Amino acid sequence: MIADAAVWAWLGFVAMVAGTAAPLWAWATEESATGESHAKYYLTLAGVTGVAALAYLAMALGVGVVSSPAGDVEIVRYVDWLVTTPLLLLYLGLLARPSRGVLAGLIGVDVVIIAAGIGASATAGTLSWALFGVGGVAYLALVYGLLVSLPRSAAAAGDRVRAVFGTLRNITVVLWTLYPVVWALAPTGLGLVTPATEMLVFVYLDVVSKIGFVVVAVAGADALTHLTAGGAAGEGSEPIAVGDADGAETEQPTVLADD
């Protein structure tokens, strides 16, 4: 027998709290051992699981449910995604260092996806599926950015940074693709699974896609040293031309300025 949705929400809360401890501990131990601080990287990771923990706490307590023509909508889940998914994209951007325009574009598309999901959950019938389709098209644009646009920038960051970025990017693309499938099967879509099963699957996906992301990022934190050392000379720079072996000029990608 599948447990009540609140039970899975409580388990999600506990898991996210544990996941938040990992980057905070890594940040504290790194700074005390080496004197270096990559605060913005670790705090971005902690923000992902920290916000998710608060969201699951609210869902476990039955807070954040909004009535709509299509039924009750757990709006707190979408608020969670509106905050945590841009943070995950931001961390990928901190590794790849694309232009601000590219990163802002990806986050903007991500917001469109979540907004379409809210609209689809709050409506019914043709309009609901039309909004679901809008979110699906936007998601294809996001996947293109993750698979094509960001790797172009990450290519200039060094082998170790590319390896960590590639793993995190793949986790994101594969697991995020499963969320709309669950939505379509859940009461929000075709109604083929119960609310308890929906919560169970979303908790599982969140644990793997968020805590898994955080664990891999912390395990690959040595890449941050290569990144900050290699990017210091080019902080905040615009594309610059450099000569190649044949004397031709090529452009280096714009990098985001470090704080």
Protein backbone atom coordinates (compact mmCIF):
# COMPACT_ATOMS: atom_id res chain seq x y z
CA MET A 1 0.00 0.00 0.00
CA ILE A 2 1.33 3.42 -1.00
CA ALA A 3 1.79 5.80 1.92
CA ASP A 4 -0.14 9.05 2.20
CA ALA A 5 1.22 12.00 0.19
CA ALA A 6 2.10 13.82 3.43
CA VAL A 7 4.43 10.98 4.44
CA TRP A 8 6.39 11.32 1.20
CA ALA A 9 6.50 15.08 1.69
CA TRP A 10 8.01 14.61 5.16
CA LEU A 11 10.61 12.24 3.69
CA GLY A 12 11.38 14.84 1.02
CA PHE A 13 11.85 17.46 3.75
CA VAL A 14 14.30 15.27 5.70
CA ALA A 15 16.25 14.40 2.56
CA MET A 16 16.55 18.04 1.47
CA VAL A 17 17.73 19.14 4.92
CA ALA A 18 20.44 16.48 4.78
CA GLY A 19 21.33 17.59 1.26
CA THR A 20 21.71 21.19 2.41
CA ALA A 21 24.29 20.19 5.00
CA ALA A 22 26.70 18.84 2.37
CA PRO A 23 27.64 22.10 0.57
CA LEU A 24 27.64 24.10 3.82
CA TRP A 25 30.03 21.61 5.43
CA ALA A 26 32.25 21.57 2.33
CA TRP A 27 32.37 25.36 2.33
CA ALA A 28 33.28 25.55 6.02
CA THR A 29 35.96 22.85 5.86
CA GLU A 30 37.51 24.22 2.67
CA GLU A 31 37.83 27.72 4.12
CA SER A 32 39.30 26.49 7.41
CA ALA A 33 41.74 24.10 5.71
CA THR A 34 42.96 26.18 2.78
CA GLY A 35 41.86 29.75 3.49
CA GLU A 36 40.06 29.74 0.12
CA SER A 37 36.37 30.49 -0.13
CA HIS A 38 34.07 29.65 -3.01
CA ALA A 39 31.08 30.96 -1.12
CA LYS A 40 28.88 31.81 -4.08
CA TYR A 41 29.21 28.28 -5.46
CA TYR A 42 28.43 26.51 -2.19
CA LEU A 43 25.65 28.91 -1.22
CA THR A 44 24.01 28.43 -4.62
CA LEU A 45 24.00 24.68 -4.04
CA ALA A 46 22.72 25.07 -0.47
CA GLY A 47 19.97 27.34 -1.76
CA VAL A 48 18.68 24.60 -4.07
CA THR A 49 18.10 22.01 -1.35
CA GLY A 50 17.32 24.59 1.34
CA VAL A 51 14.41 26.07 -0.59
CA ALA A 52 13.23 22.57 -1.55
CA ALA A 53 13.28 21.58 2.15
CA LEU A 54 11.03 24.52 3.04
CA ALA A 55 8.69 23.63 0.18
CA TYR A 56 8.37 20.03 1.32
CA LEU A 57 7.78 21.18 4.89
CA ALA A 58 4.91 23.35 3.66
CA MET A 59 3.45 20.49 1.61
CA ALA A 60 3.76 18.09 4.55
CA LEU A 61 1.81 20.57 6.70
CA GLY A 62 -0.80 21.11 3.99
CA VAL A 63 0.22 24.72 3.42
CA GLY A 64 0.23 26.33 -0.02
CA VAL A 65 -2.73 24.56 -1.62
CA VAL A 66 -4.75 26.85 -3.88
CA SER A 67 -8.20 26.08 -5.24
CA SER A 68 -8.69 26.43 -9.00
CA PRO A 69 -11.34 25.49 -11.59
CA ALA A 70 -9.36 22.30 -12.21
CA GLY A 71 -9.13 21.41 -8.51
CA ASP A 72 -6.56 22.00 -5.78
CA VAL A 73 -3.07 23.03 -6.92
CA GLU A 74 -0.03 22.69 -4.65
CA ILE A 75 1.29 26.08 -5.63
CA VAL A 76 4.21 25.77 -3.22
CA ARG A 77 5.67 23.05 -5.45
CA TYR A 78 5.76 25.45 -8.38
CA VAL A 79 7.22 28.22 -6.20
CA ASP A 80 9.94 25.74 -5.25
CA TRP A 81 10.68 25.07 -8.92
CA LEU A 82 10.59 28.79 -9.75
CA VAL A 83 13.43 29.32 -7.28
CA THR A 84 15.45 26.10 -7.39
CA THR A 85 15.60 25.43 -11.12
CA PRO A 86 17.10 28.89 -11.88
CA LEU A 87 19.64 28.23 -9.09
CA LEU A 88 20.64 24.97 -10.76
CA LEU A 89 21.01 26.80 -14.07
CA LEU A 90 22.98 29.52 -12.31
CA TYR A 91 25.43 26.95 -10.96
CA LEU A 92 25.91 25.51 -14.44
CA GLY A 93 26.48 29.07 -15.62
CA LEU A 94 29.07 29.68 -12.90
CA LEU A 95 30.97 26.67 -14.24
CA ALA A 96 30.55 27.36 -17.96
CA ARG A 97 30.79 31.16 -17.71
CA PRO A 98 28.64 32.06 -20.73
CA SER A 99 27.69 35.62 -21.57
CA ARG A 100 25.12 37.14 -19.28
CA GLY A 101 22.68 37.19 -22.19
CA VAL A 102 22.89 33.43 -22.69
CA LEU A 103 22.43 32.69 -18.99
CA ALA A 104 19.58 35.18 -18.62
CA GLY A 105 17.91 33.65 -21.69
CA LEU A 106 18.08 30.14 -20.23
CA ILE A 107 16.65 31.29 -16.90
CA GLY A 108 13.93 33.24 -18.72
CA VAL A 109 12.90 30.16 -20.71
CA ASP A 110 12.91 28.15 -17.48
CA VAL A 111 10.50 30.63 -15.89
CA VAL A 112 8.22 30.34 -18.91
CA ILE A 113 8.18 26.54 -18.47
CA ILE A 114 7.20 26.76 -14.80
CA ALA A 115 4.61 29.48 -15.48
CA ALA A 116 3.06 27.31 -18.21
CA GLY A 117 2.98 24.42 -15.75
CA ILE A 118 1.11 26.54 -13.20
CA GLY A 119 -1.40 27.61 -15.83
CA ALA A 120 -1.86 24.06 -17.07
CA SER A 121 -2.46 22.79 -13.52
CA ALA A 122 -4.98 25.51 -12.74
CA THR A 123 -7.06 25.02 -15.89
CA ALA A 124 -8.76 22.05 -17.53
CA GLY A 125 -9.47 20.61 -20.94
CA THR A 126 -8.02 22.04 -24.13
CA LEU A 127 -6.56 25.13 -22.46
CA SER A 128 -4.69 23.02 -19.94
CA TRP A 129 -3.10 20.85 -22.62
CA ALA A 130 -2.35 23.91 -24.76
CA LEU A 131 -0.40 25.45 -21.88
CA PHE A 132 1.31 22.12 -21.32
CA GLY A 133 2.35 22.24 -24.98
CA VAL A 134 3.73 25.77 -24.56
CA GLY A 135 5.82 24.53 -21.65
CA GLY A 136 6.99 21.58 -23.74
CA VAL A 137 8.18 23.80 -26.59
CA ALA A 138 9.95 26.08 -24.13
CA TYR A 139 11.60 23.04 -22.57
CA LEU A 140 12.99 22.00 -25.96
CA ALA A 141 14.55 25.47 -26.23
CA LEU A 142 16.04 25.05 -22.76
CA VAL A 143 17.50 21.64 -23.64
CA TYR A 144 19.07 23.15 -26.77
CA GLY A 145 20.70 25.82 -24.62
CA LEU A 146 22.02 23.25 -22.16
CA LEU A 147 23.32 20.91 -24.85
CA VAL A 148 24.67 23.49 -27.30
CA SER A 149 25.03 27.04 -25.95
CA LEU A 150 26.55 26.40 -22.52
CA PRO A 151 29.08 23.76 -23.65
CA ARG A 152 30.54 26.29 -26.10
CA SER A 153 31.50 28.45 -23.13
CA ALA A 154 32.55 25.54 -20.92
CA ALA A 155 35.01 24.40 -23.61
CA ALA A 156 37.34 27.25 -22.63
CA ALA A 157 37.32 26.42 -18.91
CA GLY A 158 39.68 23.43 -18.79
CA ASP A 159 39.28 19.66 -18.75
CA ARG A 160 38.30 19.26 -15.08
CA VAL A 161 35.68 21.99 -15.24
CA ARG A 162 34.29 20.54 -18.48
CA ALA A 163 34.03 17.10 -16.89
CA VAL A 164 32.11 18.34 -13.83
CA PHE A 165 29.92 20.60 -15.96
CA GLY A 166 29.13 17.76 -18.37
CA THR A 167 28.06 15.41 -15.58
CA LEU A 168 25.85 18.03 -13.92
CA ARG A 169 24.35 19.09 -17.25
CA ASN A 170 23.50 15.48 -18.14
CA ILE A 171 21.86 14.90 -14.75
CA THR A 172 19.77 18.00 -15.31
CA VAL A 173 18.64 17.21 -18.86
CA VAL A 174 17.79 13.55 -18.25
CA LEU A 175 15.90 14.02 -15.00
CA TRP A 176 14.11 17.25 -15.89
CA THR A 177 12.71 15.49 -18.95
CA LEU A 178 10.82 13.10 -16.64
CA TYR A 179 8.90 15.83 -14.80
CA PRO A 180 6.42 16.60 -17.61
CA VAL A 181 5.85 12.86 -18.04
CA VAL A 182 4.81 12.59 -14.39
CA TRP A 183 2.63 15.69 -14.74
CA ALA A 184 0.85 14.16 -17.73
CA LEU A 185 0.15 10.90 -15.90
CA ALA A 186 -0.85 12.54 -12.59
CA PRO A 187 -4.28 13.99 -11.68
CA THR A 188 -3.10 17.24 -13.29
CA GLY A 189 -3.13 15.46 -16.66
CA LEU A 190 -4.60 12.06 -17.55
CA GLY A 191 -5.23 11.03 -13.96
CA LEU A 192 -3.59 7.63 -14.34
CA VAL A 193 -1.80 7.81 -10.97
CA THR A 194 -3.02 8.84 -7.53
CA PRO A 195 -1.91 12.01 -5.69
CA ALA A 196 0.12 9.83 -3.29
CA THR A 197 1.95 8.16 -6.19
CA GLU A 198 2.50 11.56 -7.80
CA MET A 199 4.10 12.86 -4.60
CA LEU A 200 6.24 9.72 -4.29
CA VAL A 201 7.59 10.09 -7.82
CA PHE A 202 8.19 13.84 -7.50
CA VAL A 203 10.06 13.29 -4.21
CA TYR A 204 12.21 10.66 -5.90
CA LEU A 205 12.94 12.91 -8.89
CA ASP A 206 13.69 15.88 -6.64
CA VAL A 207 16.07 13.85 -4.48
CA VAL A 208 18.00 12.56 -7.49
CA SER A 209 17.96 15.77 -9.54
CA LYS A 210 18.69 18.18 -6.66
CA ILE A 211 20.57 16.24 -4.02
CA GLY A 212 22.30 14.21 -6.71
CA PHE A 213 23.32 17.45 -8.43
CA VAL A 214 24.60 18.89 -5.14
CA VAL A 215 26.57 15.76 -4.23
CA VAL A 216 28.25 15.59 -7.64
CA ALA A 217 29.02 19.32 -7.52
CA VAL A 218 30.57 19.06 -4.04
CA ALA A 219 32.56 15.98 -5.06
CA GLY A 220 33.87 17.94 -8.04
CA ALA A 221 34.66 21.07 -6.03
CA ASP A 222 38.35 20.80 -6.97
CA ALA A 223 37.25 22.16 -10.35
CA LEU A 224 36.46 25.48 -8.67
CA THR A 225 40.14 26.08 -8.00
CA HIS A 226 40.95 25.58 -11.69
CA LEU A 227 38.02 27.76 -12.63
CA THR A 228 38.83 30.73 -10.41
CA ALA A 229 42.55 30.54 -11.18
CA GLY A 230 41.96 30.32 -14.92
CA GLY A 231 39.30 33.00 -15.03
CA ALA A 232 41.02 35.69 -13.00
CA ALA A 233 42.75 37.32 -15.95
CA GLY A 234 39.55 37.47 -17.98
CA GLU A 235 37.09 38.69 -15.37
CA GLY A 236 34.23 40.61 -16.88
CA SER A 237 35.88 40.70 -20.28
CA GLU A 238 34.18 40.93 -23.63
CA PRO A 239 35.15 38.54 -26.46
CA ILE A 240 38.76 39.11 -27.48
CA ALA A 241 40.60 38.08 -30.62
CA VAL A 242 43.66 35.88 -30.35
CA GLY A 243 45.86 34.48 -33.05
CA ASP A 244 45.79 30.77 -33.88
CA ALA A 245 48.53 28.66 -35.39
CA ASP A 246 47.81 29.98 -38.89
CA GLY A 247 47.75 33.59 -37.84
CA ALA A 248 43.96 33.74 -38.11
CA GLU A 249 41.94 35.35 -35.37
CA THR A 250 39.38 33.53 -33.25
CA GLU A 251 37.10 34.79 -30.51
CA GLN A 252 37.24 33.66 -26.93
CA PRO A 253 33.84 33.46 -25.22
CA THR A 254 32.65 36.12 -22.83
CA VAL A 255 32.93 35.12 -19.19
CA LEU A 256 30.85 36.16 -16.23
CA ALA A 257 32.64 38.36 -13.77
CA ASP A 258 33.43 36.86 -10.39
CA ASP A 259 32.36 38.78 -7.33
